[in-house]
mmCIF file of all heavy atoms, coordinates in Angstrom:
data_MODEL
# 
_entry.id   MODEL 
# 
loop_
_atom_site.group_PDB 
_atom_site.id 
_atom_site.type_symbol 
_atom_site.label_atom_id 
_atom_site.label_alt_id 
_atom_site.label_comp_id 
_atom_site.label_asym_id 
_atom_site.label_entity_id 
_atom_site.label_seq_id 
_atom_site.pdbx_PDB_ins_code 
_atom_site.Cartn_x 
_atom_site.Cartn_y 
_atom_site.Cartn_z 
_atom_site.occupancy 
_atom_site.B_iso_or_equiv 
_atom_site.pdbx_formal_charge 
_atom_site.auth_seq_id 
_atom_site.auth_comp_id 
_atom_site.auth_asym_id 
_atom_site.auth_atom_id 
_atom_site.pdbx_PDB_model_num 
ATOM 1   N N   . THR A 1 1  ? -24.659 -3.675  -196.076 1.00 0.00 ? 1  THR A N   1 
ATOM 2   C CA  . THR A 1 1  ? -23.618 -2.655  -196.165 1.00 0.00 ? 1  THR A CA  1 
ATOM 3   C C   . THR A 1 1  ? -22.920 -2.795  -197.505 1.00 0.00 ? 1  THR A C   1 
ATOM 4   O O   . THR A 1 1  ? -22.483 -3.895  -197.879 1.00 0.00 ? 1  THR A O   1 
ATOM 5   C CB  . THR A 1 1  ? -22.595 -2.798  -195.025 1.00 0.00 ? 1  THR A CB  1 
ATOM 6   O OG1 . THR A 1 1  ? -23.284 -2.703  -193.764 1.00 0.00 ? 1  THR A OG1 1 
ATOM 7   C CG2 . THR A 1 1  ? -21.537 -1.720  -195.098 1.00 0.00 ? 1  THR A CG2 1 
ATOM 8   N N   . MET A 1 2  ? -22.834 -1.678  -198.220 1.00 0.00 ? 2  MET A N   1 
ATOM 9   C CA  . MET A 1 2  ? -22.209 -1.692  -199.542 1.00 0.00 ? 2  MET A CA  1 
ATOM 10  C C   . MET A 1 2  ? -21.093 -0.656  -199.574 1.00 0.00 ? 2  MET A C   1 
ATOM 11  O O   . MET A 1 2  ? -21.204 0.423   -198.971 1.00 0.00 ? 2  MET A O   1 
ATOM 12  C CB  . MET A 1 2  ? -23.238 -1.359  -200.624 1.00 0.00 ? 2  MET A CB  1 
ATOM 13  C CG  . MET A 1 2  ? -24.360 -2.376  -200.750 1.00 0.00 ? 2  MET A CG  1 
ATOM 14  S SD  . MET A 1 2  ? -25.484 -1.966  -202.112 1.00 0.00 ? 2  MET A SD  1 
ATOM 15  C CE  . MET A 1 2  ? -26.169 -0.427  -201.495 1.00 0.00 ? 2  MET A CE  1 
ATOM 16  N N   . ASN A 1 3  ? -20.006 -1.032  -200.277 1.00 0.00 ? 3  ASN A N   1 
ATOM 17  C CA  . ASN A 1 3  ? -18.891 -0.109  -200.481 1.00 0.00 ? 3  ASN A CA  1 
ATOM 18  C C   . ASN A 1 3  ? -19.128 0.667   -201.773 1.00 0.00 ? 3  ASN A C   1 
ATOM 19  O O   . ASN A 1 3  ? -19.350 0.093   -202.832 1.00 0.00 ? 3  ASN A O   1 
ATOM 20  C CB  . ASN A 1 3  ? -17.564 -0.868  -200.565 1.00 0.00 ? 3  ASN A CB  1 
ATOM 21  C CG  . ASN A 1 3  ? -17.197 -1.515  -199.240 1.00 0.00 ? 3  ASN A CG  1 
ATOM 22  O OD1 . ASN A 1 3  ? -17.319 -0.893  -198.192 1.00 0.00 ? 3  ASN A OD1 1 
ATOM 23  N ND2 . ASN A 1 3  ? -16.752 -2.766  -199.292 1.00 0.00 ? 3  ASN A ND2 1 
ATOM 24  N N   . THR A 1 4  ? -19.100 1.984   -201.652 1.00 0.00 ? 4  THR A N   1 
ATOM 25  C CA  . THR A 1 4  ? -19.286 2.841   -202.823 1.00 0.00 ? 4  THR A CA  1 
ATOM 26  C C   . THR A 1 4  ? -18.140 3.825   -202.893 1.00 0.00 ? 4  THR A C   1 
ATOM 27  O O   . THR A 1 4  ? -17.287 3.893   -201.990 1.00 0.00 ? 4  THR A O   1 
ATOM 28  C CB  . THR A 1 4  ? -20.619 3.608   -202.734 1.00 0.00 ? 4  THR A CB  1 
ATOM 29  O OG1 . THR A 1 4  ? -20.520 4.602   -201.699 1.00 0.00 ? 4  THR A OG1 1 
ATOM 30  C CG2 . THR A 1 4  ? -21.773 2.665   -202.426 1.00 0.00 ? 4  THR A CG2 1 
ATOM 31  N N   . ILE A 1 5  ? -18.111 4.596   -203.947 1.00 0.00 ? 5  ILE A N   1 
ATOM 32  C CA  . ILE A 1 5  ? -17.043 5.592   -204.100 1.00 0.00 ? 5  ILE A CA  1 
ATOM 33  C C   . ILE A 1 5  ? -17.156 6.674   -203.022 1.00 0.00 ? 5  ILE A C   1 
ATOM 34  O O   . ILE A 1 5  ? -16.203 7.415   -202.782 1.00 0.00 ? 5  ILE A O   1 
ATOM 35  C CB  . ILE A 1 5  ? -17.079 6.232   -205.489 1.00 0.00 ? 5  ILE A CB  1 
ATOM 36  C CG1 . ILE A 1 5  ? -18.445 6.899   -205.721 1.00 0.00 ? 5  ILE A CG1 1 
ATOM 37  C CG2 . ILE A 1 5  ? -16.781 5.220   -206.570 1.00 0.00 ? 5  ILE A CG2 1 
ATOM 38  C CD1 . ILE A 1 5  ? -18.485 7.688   -207.041 1.00 0.00 ? 5  ILE A CD1 1 
ATOM 39  N N   . LEU A 1 6  ? -18.320 6.748   -202.384 1.00 0.00 ? 6  LEU A N   1 
ATOM 40  C CA  . LEU A 1 6  ? -18.510 7.722   -201.311 1.00 0.00 ? 6  LEU A CA  1 
ATOM 41  C C   . LEU A 1 6  ? -18.261 7.107   -199.945 1.00 0.00 ? 6  LEU A C   1 
ATOM 42  O O   . LEU A 1 6  ? -18.449 7.757   -198.922 1.00 0.00 ? 6  LEU A O   1 
ATOM 43  C CB  . LEU A 1 6  ? -19.936 8.286   -201.366 1.00 0.00 ? 6  LEU A CB  1 
ATOM 44  C CG  . LEU A 1 6  ? -20.319 9.006   -202.659 1.00 0.00 ? 6  LEU A CG  1 
ATOM 45  C CD1 . LEU A 1 6  ? -21.786 9.430   -202.613 1.00 0.00 ? 6  LEU A CD1 1 
ATOM 46  C CD2 . LEU A 1 6  ? -19.420 10.227  -202.877 1.00 0.00 ? 6  LEU A CD2 1 
ATOM 47  N N   . GLY A 1 7  ? -17.886 5.850   -199.929 1.00 0.00 ? 7  GLY A N   1 
ATOM 48  C CA  . GLY A 1 7  ? -17.664 5.162   -198.669 1.00 0.00 ? 7  GLY A CA  1 
ATOM 49  C C   . GLY A 1 7  ? -18.714 4.090   -198.452 1.00 0.00 ? 7  GLY A C   1 
ATOM 50  O O   . GLY A 1 7  ? -19.457 3.727   -199.358 1.00 0.00 ? 7  GLY A O   1 
ATOM 51  N N   . GLN A 1 8  ? -18.790 3.567   -197.248 1.00 0.00 ? 8  GLN A N   1 
ATOM 52  C CA  . GLN A 1 8  ? -19.758 2.527   -196.946 1.00 0.00 ? 8  GLN A CA  1 
ATOM 53  C C   . GLN A 1 8  ? -21.154 3.120   -196.735 1.00 0.00 ? 8  GLN A C   1 
ATOM 54  O O   . GLN A 1 8  ? -21.312 4.153   -196.089 1.00 0.00 ? 8  GLN A O   1 
ATOM 55  C CB  . GLN A 1 8  ? -19.344 1.755   -195.695 1.00 0.00 ? 8  GLN A CB  1 
ATOM 56  C CG  . GLN A 1 8  ? -18.151 0.830   -195.890 1.00 0.00 ? 8  GLN A CG  1 
ATOM 57  C CD  . GLN A 1 8  ? -17.921 -0.062  -194.685 1.00 0.00 ? 8  GLN A CD  1 
ATOM 58  O OE1 . GLN A 1 8  ? -18.276 0.297   -193.567 1.00 0.00 ? 8  GLN A OE1 1 
ATOM 59  N NE2 . GLN A 1 8  ? -17.311 -1.223  -194.914 1.00 0.00 ? 8  GLN A NE2 1 
ATOM 60  N N   . MET A 1 9  ? -22.135 2.447   -197.313 1.00 0.00 ? 9  MET A N   1 
ATOM 61  C CA  . MET A 1 9  ? -23.520 2.876   -197.164 1.00 0.00 ? 9  MET A CA  1 
ATOM 62  C C   . MET A 1 9  ? -24.366 1.694   -196.726 1.00 0.00 ? 9  MET A C   1 
ATOM 63  O O   . MET A 1 9  ? -24.165 0.570   -197.189 1.00 0.00 ? 9  MET A O   1 
ATOM 64  C CB  . MET A 1 9  ? -24.073 3.448   -198.488 1.00 0.00 ? 9  MET A CB  1 
ATOM 65  C CG  . MET A 1 9  ? -23.353 4.694   -198.960 1.00 0.00 ? 9  MET A CG  1 
ATOM 66  S SD  . MET A 1 9  ? -24.127 5.402   -200.427 1.00 0.00 ? 9  MET A SD  1 
ATOM 67  C CE  . MET A 1 9  ? -25.718 5.895   -199.748 1.00 0.00 ? 9  MET A CE  1 
ATOM 68  N N   . GLN A 1 10 ? -25.307 1.950   -195.816 1.00 0.00 ? 10 GLN A N   1 
ATOM 69  C CA  . GLN A 1 10 ? -26.196 0.910   -195.319 1.00 0.00 ? 10 GLN A CA  1 
ATOM 70  C C   . GLN A 1 10 ? -27.608 1.126   -195.840 1.00 0.00 ? 10 GLN A C   1 
ATOM 71  O O   . GLN A 1 10 ? -28.102 2.252   -195.889 1.00 0.00 ? 10 GLN A O   1 
ATOM 72  C CB  . GLN A 1 10 ? -26.223 0.891   -193.784 1.00 0.00 ? 10 GLN A CB  1 
ATOM 73  C CG  . GLN A 1 10 ? -24.960 0.366   -193.140 1.00 0.00 ? 10 GLN A CG  1 
ATOM 74  C CD  . GLN A 1 10 ? -25.111 0.228   -191.648 1.00 0.00 ? 10 GLN A CD  1 
ATOM 75  O OE1 . GLN A 1 10 ? -25.933 0.895   -191.031 1.00 0.00 ? 10 GLN A OE1 1 
ATOM 76  N NE2 . GLN A 1 10 ? -24.314 -0.651  -191.051 1.00 0.00 ? 10 GLN A NE2 1 
ATOM 77  N N   . THR A 1 11 ? -28.257 0.054   -196.228 1.00 0.00 ? 11 THR A N   1 
ATOM 78  C CA  . THR A 1 11 ? -29.656 0.106   -196.652 1.00 0.00 ? 11 THR A CA  1 
ATOM 79  C C   . THR A 1 11 ? -30.438 -0.967  -195.891 1.00 0.00 ? 11 THR A C   1 
ATOM 80  O O   . THR A 1 11 ? -29.925 -2.055  -195.629 1.00 0.00 ? 11 THR A O   1 
ATOM 81  C CB  . THR A 1 11 ? -29.802 -0.141  -198.163 1.00 0.00 ? 11 THR A CB  1 
ATOM 82  O OG1 . THR A 1 11 ? -29.258 -1.428  -198.488 1.00 0.00 ? 11 THR A OG1 1 
ATOM 83  C CG2 . THR A 1 11 ? -29.094 0.937   -198.970 1.00 0.00 ? 11 THR A CG2 1 
ATOM 84  N N   . SER A 1 12 ? -31.650 -0.637  -195.520 1.00 0.00 ? 12 SER A N   1 
ATOM 85  C CA  . SER A 1 12 ? -32.520 -1.585  -194.815 1.00 0.00 ? 12 SER A CA  1 
ATOM 86  C C   . SER A 1 12 ? -33.705 -1.934  -195.695 1.00 0.00 ? 12 SER A C   1 
ATOM 87  O O   . SER A 1 12 ? -34.336 -1.052  -196.289 1.00 0.00 ? 12 SER A O   1 
ATOM 88  C CB  . SER A 1 12 ? -33.015 -0.979  -193.491 1.00 0.00 ? 12 SER A CB  1 
ATOM 89  O OG  . SER A 1 12 ? -31.939 -0.764  -192.609 1.00 0.00 ? 12 SER A OG  1 
ATOM 90  N N   . THR A 1 13 ? -34.014 -3.218  -195.773 1.00 0.00 ? 13 THR A N   1 
ATOM 91  C CA  . THR A 1 13 ? -35.152 -3.684  -196.565 1.00 0.00 ? 13 THR A CA  1 
ATOM 92  C C   . THR A 1 13 ? -35.959 -4.688  -195.748 1.00 0.00 ? 13 THR A C   1 
ATOM 93  O O   . THR A 1 13 ? -35.478 -5.223  -194.748 1.00 0.00 ? 13 THR A O   1 
ATOM 94  C CB  . THR A 1 13 ? -34.682 -4.362  -197.874 1.00 0.00 ? 13 THR A CB  1 
ATOM 95  O OG1 . THR A 1 13 ? -33.823 -5.458  -197.553 1.00 0.00 ? 13 THR A OG1 1 
ATOM 96  C CG2 . THR A 1 13 ? -33.942 -3.374  -198.766 1.00 0.00 ? 13 THR A CG2 1 
ATOM 97  N N   . VAL A 1 14 ? -37.188 -4.924  -196.180 1.00 0.00 ? 14 VAL A N   1 
ATOM 98  C CA  . VAL A 1 14 ? -38.038 -5.908  -195.509 1.00 0.00 ? 14 VAL A CA  1 
ATOM 99  C C   . VAL A 1 14 ? -37.409 -7.285  -195.629 1.00 0.00 ? 14 VAL A C   1 
ATOM 100 O O   . VAL A 1 14 ? -36.908 -7.676  -196.688 1.00 0.00 ? 14 VAL A O   1 
ATOM 101 C CB  . VAL A 1 14 ? -39.447 -5.910  -196.136 1.00 0.00 ? 14 VAL A CB  1 
ATOM 102 C CG1 . VAL A 1 14 ? -40.295 -7.031  -195.538 1.00 0.00 ? 14 VAL A CG1 1 
ATOM 103 C CG2 . VAL A 1 14 ? -40.125 -4.574  -195.906 1.00 0.00 ? 14 VAL A CG2 1 
ATOM 104 N N   . CYS A 1 15 ? -37.433 -8.017  -194.536 1.00 0.00 ? 15 CYS A N   1 
ATOM 105 C CA  . CYS A 1 15 ? -36.828 -9.355  -194.522 1.00 0.00 ? 15 CYS A CA  1 
ATOM 106 C C   . CYS A 1 15 ? -37.524 -10.249 -195.547 1.00 0.00 ? 15 CYS A C   1 
ATOM 107 O O   . CYS A 1 15 ? -38.753 -10.389 -195.524 1.00 0.00 ? 15 CYS A O   1 
ATOM 108 C CB  . CYS A 1 15 ? -36.955 -9.961  -193.130 1.00 0.00 ? 15 CYS A CB  1 
ATOM 109 S SG  . CYS A 1 15 ? -36.338 -11.660 -193.032 1.00 0.00 ? 15 CYS A SG  1 
ATOM 110 N N   . PRO A 1 16 ? -36.782 -10.875 -196.452 1.00 0.00 ? 16 PRO A N   1 
ATOM 111 C CA  . PRO A 1 16 ? -37.402 -11.704 -197.488 1.00 0.00 ? 16 PRO A CA  1 
ATOM 112 C C   . PRO A 1 16 ? -37.962 -13.026 -196.972 1.00 0.00 ? 16 PRO A C   1 
ATOM 113 O O   . PRO A 1 16 ? -38.824 -13.630 -197.609 1.00 0.00 ? 16 PRO A O   1 
ATOM 114 C CB  . PRO A 1 16 ? -36.241 -11.952 -198.463 1.00 0.00 ? 16 PRO A CB  1 
ATOM 115 C CG  . PRO A 1 16 ? -35.007 -11.861 -197.615 1.00 0.00 ? 16 PRO A CG  1 
ATOM 116 C CD  . PRO A 1 16 ? -35.304 -10.807 -196.591 1.00 0.00 ? 16 PRO A CD  1 
ATOM 117 N N   . ASP A 1 17 ? -37.513 -13.468 -195.792 1.00 0.00 ? 17 ASP A N   1 
ATOM 118 C CA  . ASP A 1 17 ? -37.965 -14.760 -195.268 1.00 0.00 ? 17 ASP A CA  1 
ATOM 119 C C   . ASP A 1 17 ? -39.268 -14.663 -194.481 1.00 0.00 ? 17 ASP A C   1 
ATOM 120 O O   . ASP A 1 17 ? -40.122 -15.545 -194.551 1.00 0.00 ? 17 ASP A O   1 
ATOM 121 C CB  . ASP A 1 17 ? -36.871 -15.383 -194.379 1.00 0.00 ? 17 ASP A CB  1 
ATOM 122 C CG  . ASP A 1 17 ? -35.715 -15.919 -195.208 1.00 0.00 ? 17 ASP A CG  1 
ATOM 123 O OD1 . ASP A 1 17 ? -35.888 -16.046 -196.441 1.00 0.00 ? 17 ASP A OD1 1 
ATOM 124 O OD2 . ASP A 1 17 ? -34.650 -16.186 -194.635 1.00 0.00 ? 17 ASP A OD2 1 
ATOM 125 N N   . CYS A 1 18 ? -39.438 -13.591 -193.711 1.00 0.00 ? 18 CYS A N   1 
ATOM 126 C CA  . CYS A 1 18 ? -40.656 -13.459 -192.892 1.00 0.00 ? 18 CYS A CA  1 
ATOM 127 C C   . CYS A 1 18 ? -41.562 -12.340 -193.376 1.00 0.00 ? 18 CYS A C   1 
ATOM 128 O O   . CYS A 1 18 ? -42.596 -12.068 -192.765 1.00 0.00 ? 18 CYS A O   1 
ATOM 129 C CB  . CYS A 1 18 ? -40.292 -13.239 -191.430 1.00 0.00 ? 18 CYS A CB  1 
ATOM 130 S SG  . CYS A 1 18 ? -39.452 -11.661 -191.102 1.00 0.00 ? 18 CYS A SG  1 
ATOM 131 N N   . GLN A 1 19 ? -41.161 -11.672 -194.481 1.00 0.00 ? 19 GLN A N   1 
ATOM 132 C CA  . GLN A 1 19 ? -41.936 -10.565 -195.051 1.00 0.00 ? 19 GLN A CA  1 
ATOM 133 C C   . GLN A 1 19 ? -42.238 -9.468  -194.028 1.00 0.00 ? 19 GLN A C   1 
ATOM 134 O O   . GLN A 1 19 ? -43.289 -8.831  -194.046 1.00 0.00 ? 19 GLN A O   1 
ATOM 135 C CB  . GLN A 1 19 ? -43.258 -11.062 -195.666 1.00 0.00 ? 19 GLN A CB  1 
ATOM 136 C CG  . GLN A 1 19 ? -43.108 -11.794 -196.975 1.00 0.00 ? 19 GLN A CG  1 
ATOM 137 C CD  . GLN A 1 19 ? -42.551 -13.196 -196.783 1.00 0.00 ? 19 GLN A CD  1 
ATOM 138 O OE1 . GLN A 1 19 ? -43.083 -13.965 -195.979 1.00 0.00 ? 19 GLN A OE1 1 
ATOM 139 N NE2 . GLN A 1 19 ? -41.511 -13.519 -197.528 1.00 0.00 ? 19 GLN A NE2 1 
ATOM 140 N N   . GLY A 1 20 ? -41.287 -9.254  -193.131 1.00 0.00 ? 20 GLY A N   1 
ATOM 141 C CA  . GLY A 1 20 ? -41.417 -8.158  -192.182 1.00 0.00 ? 20 GLY A CA  1 
ATOM 142 C C   . GLY A 1 20 ? -42.101 -8.518  -190.888 1.00 0.00 ? 20 GLY A C   1 
ATOM 143 O O   . GLY A 1 20 ? -42.216 -7.672  -189.992 1.00 0.00 ? 20 GLY A O   1 
ATOM 144 N N   . ASP A 1 21 ? -42.575 -9.762  -190.731 1.00 0.00 ? 21 ASP A N   1 
ATOM 145 C CA  . ASP A 1 21 ? -43.274 -10.139 -189.505 1.00 0.00 ? 21 ASP A CA  1 
ATOM 146 C C   . ASP A 1 21 ? -42.322 -10.319 -188.320 1.00 0.00 ? 21 ASP A C   1 
ATOM 147 O O   . ASP A 1 21 ? -42.723 -10.186 -187.164 1.00 0.00 ? 21 ASP A O   1 
ATOM 148 C CB  . ASP A 1 21 ? -44.054 -11.448 -189.704 1.00 0.00 ? 21 ASP A CB  1 
ATOM 149 C CG  . ASP A 1 21 ? -45.279 -11.242 -190.571 1.00 0.00 ? 21 ASP A CG  1 
ATOM 150 O OD1 . ASP A 1 21 ? -45.739 -10.092 -190.670 1.00 0.00 ? 21 ASP A OD1 1 
ATOM 151 O OD2 . ASP A 1 21 ? -45.780 -12.238 -191.133 1.00 0.00 ? 21 ASP A OD2 1 
ATOM 152 N N   . GLY A 1 22 ? -41.080 -10.678 -188.589 1.00 0.00 ? 22 GLY A N   1 
ATOM 153 C CA  . GLY A 1 22 ? -40.115 -10.915 -187.524 1.00 0.00 ? 22 GLY A CA  1 
ATOM 154 C C   . GLY A 1 22 ? -40.190 -12.311 -186.945 1.00 0.00 ? 22 GLY A C   1 
ATOM 155 O O   . GLY A 1 22 ? -39.410 -12.667 -186.068 1.00 0.00 ? 22 GLY A O   1 
ATOM 156 N N   . LYS A 1 23 ? -41.151 -13.105 -187.419 1.00 0.00 ? 23 LYS A N   1 
ATOM 157 C CA  . LYS A 1 23 ? -41.285 -14.475 -186.915 1.00 0.00 ? 23 LYS A CA  1 
ATOM 158 C C   . LYS A 1 23 ? -41.858 -15.364 -188.008 1.00 0.00 ? 23 LYS A C   1 
ATOM 159 O O   . LYS A 1 23 ? -42.481 -14.891 -188.959 1.00 0.00 ? 23 LYS A O   1 
ATOM 160 C CB  . LYS A 1 23 ? -42.171 -14.512 -185.674 1.00 0.00 ? 23 LYS A CB  1 
ATOM 161 C CG  . LYS A 1 23 ? -43.541 -13.903 -185.877 1.00 0.00 ? 23 LYS A CG  1 
ATOM 162 C CD  . LYS A 1 23 ? -44.292 -13.783 -184.576 1.00 0.00 ? 23 LYS A CD  1 
ATOM 163 C CE  . LYS A 1 23 ? -45.660 -13.121 -184.779 1.00 0.00 ? 23 LYS A CE  1 
ATOM 164 N NZ  . LYS A 1 23 ? -46.374 -12.936 -183.508 1.00 0.00 ? 23 LYS A NZ  1 
ATOM 165 N N   . LYS A 1 24 ? -41.661 -16.655 -187.843 1.00 0.00 ? 24 LYS A N   1 
ATOM 166 C CA  . LYS A 1 24 ? -42.161 -17.640 -188.800 1.00 0.00 ? 24 LYS A CA  1 
ATOM 167 C C   . LYS A 1 24 ? -43.105 -18.602 -188.104 1.00 0.00 ? 24 LYS A C   1 
ATOM 168 O O   . LYS A 1 24 ? -42.890 -18.979 -186.942 1.00 0.00 ? 24 LYS A O   1 
ATOM 169 C CB  . LYS A 1 24 ? -40.993 -18.425 -189.417 1.00 0.00 ? 24 LYS A CB  1 
ATOM 170 C CG  . LYS A 1 24 ? -40.158 -17.645 -190.413 1.00 0.00 ? 24 LYS A CG  1 
ATOM 171 C CD  . LYS A 1 24 ? -39.109 -18.564 -191.047 1.00 0.00 ? 24 LYS A CD  1 
ATOM 172 C CE  . LYS A 1 24 ? -38.347 -17.845 -192.141 1.00 0.00 ? 24 LYS A CE  1 
ATOM 173 N NZ  . LYS A 1 24 ? -37.352 -18.767 -192.780 1.00 0.00 ? 24 LYS A NZ  1 
# 
């Protein structure tokens, strides 16, 4: 969640720890 001049905005990205697998 980031605060911008337009208000709060959410962005979703692939998890850097599991590379999107959801498990290790």
